[in-house]
Amino acid sequence: NNYFKIVWTQDNIVDELVKIMELLNIKKIIEEEINKVREKLLEINGQER
């Protein structure tokens, strides 16, 4: 019975790690998109001056 508990906990930890990795990946993608927008805004501001 203990064996199954240990296995379940390991699976649980893996699931949690996968979720964390996905969240970090999403965060990275969002940061890249924000940087693209910032660069565009800088270009537009530079053209206005």
C-alpha atoms as a PDB file:
ATOM      1  CA  ASN A   1       0.000   0.000   0.000  1.00  0.00           C
ATOM      2  CA  ASN A   2       2.801   2.412   0.804  1.00  0.00           C
ATOM      3  CA  TYR A   3       4.377   1.658  -2.566  1.00  0.00           C
ATOM      4  CA  PHE A   4       1.318   2.962  -4.382  1.00  0.00           C
ATOM      5  CA  LYS A   5       1.309   6.110  -2.300  1.00  0.00           C
ATOM      6  CA  ILE A   6       4.927   6.810  -3.256  1.00  0.00           C
ATOM      7  CA  VAL A   7       4.216   6.199  -6.939  1.00  0.00           C
ATOM      8  CA  TRP A   8       1.161   8.446  -6.838  1.00  0.00           C
ATOM      9  CA  THR A   9       3.161  11.235  -5.161  1.00  0.00           C
ATOM     10  CA  GLN A  10       5.893  11.005  -7.795  1.00  0.00           C
ATOM     11  CA  ASP A  11       3.291  11.230 -10.559  1.00  0.00           C
ATOM     12  CA  ASN A  12       1.768  14.183  -8.765  1.00  0.00           C
ATOM     13  CA  ILE A  13       5.145  15.932  -8.556  1.00  0.00           C
ATOM     14  CA  VAL A  14       5.712  15.337 -12.273  1.00  0.00           C
ATOM     15  CA  ASP A  15       2.278  16.812 -13.048  1.00  0.00           C
ATOM     16  CA  GLU A  16       3.077  19.860 -10.953  1.00  0.00           C
ATOM     17  CA  LEU A  17       6.459  20.289 -12.651  1.00  0.00           C
ATOM     18  CA  VAL A  18       4.799  20.075 -16.066  1.00  0.00           C
ATOM     19  CA  LYS A  19       2.316  22.762 -15.040  1.00  0.00           C
ATOM     20  CA  ILE A  20       5.141  24.981 -13.792  1.00  0.00           C
ATOM     21  CA  MET A  21       7.112  24.480 -17.013  1.00  0.00           C
ATOM     22  CA  GLU A  22       4.037  25.399 -19.060  1.00  0.00           C
ATOM     23  CA  LEU A  23       3.479  28.543 -16.980  1.00  0.00           C
ATOM     24  CA  LEU A  24       7.128  29.570 -17.361  1.00  0.00           C
ATOM     25  CA  ASN A  25       6.895  28.990 -21.099  1.00  0.00           C
ATOM     26  CA  ILE A  26       3.747  31.128 -21.338  1.00  0.00           C
ATOM     27  CA  LYS A  27       5.468  33.859 -19.292  1.00  0.00           C
ATOM     28  CA  LYS A  28       8.453  33.779 -21.666  1.00  0.00           C
ATOM     29  CA  ILE A  29       6.199  34.041 -24.736  1.00  0.00           C
ATOM     30  CA  ILE A  30       4.290  36.972 -23.196  1.00  0.00           C
ATOM     31  CA  GLU A  31       7.555  38.774 -22.369  1.00  0.00           C
ATOM     32  CA  GLU A  32       8.733  38.301 -25.972  1.00  0.00           C
ATOM     33  CA  GLU A  33       5.447  39.717 -27.285  1.00  0.00           C
ATOM     34  CA  ILE A  34       5.689  42.696 -24.915  1.00  0.00           C
ATOM     35  CA  ASN A  35       9.235  43.378 -26.137  1.00  0.00           C
ATOM     36  CA  LYS A  36       8.034  43.345 -29.758  1.00  0.00           C
ATOM     37  CA  VAL A  37       5.299  45.867 -28.902  1.00  0.00           C
ATOM     38  CA  ARG A  38       7.804  48.066 -27.052  1.00  0.00           C
ATOM     39  CA  GLU A  39      10.150  48.074 -30.052  1.00  0.00           C
ATOM     40  CA  LYS A  40       7.255  49.057 -32.355  1.00  0.00           C
ATOM     41  CA  LEU A  41       6.261  51.864 -29.982  1.00  0.00           C
ATOM     42  CA  LEU A  42       9.851  53.124 -29.904  1.00  0.00           C
ATOM     43  CA  GLU A  43       9.924  53.129 -33.717  1.00  0.00           C
ATOM     44  CA  ILE A  44       6.657  55.085 -33.879  1.00  0.00           C
ATOM     45  CA  ASN A  45       7.873  57.576 -31.258  1.00  0.00           C
ATOM     46  CA  GLY A  46      11.143  57.990 -33.146  1.00  0.00           C
ATOM     47  CA  GLN A  47       9.269  58.746 -36.389  1.00  0.00           C
ATOM     48  CA  GLU A  48       7.057  61.359 -34.724  1.00  0.00           C
ATOM     49  CA  ARG A  49      10.012  63.407 -33.528  1.00  0.00           C
END
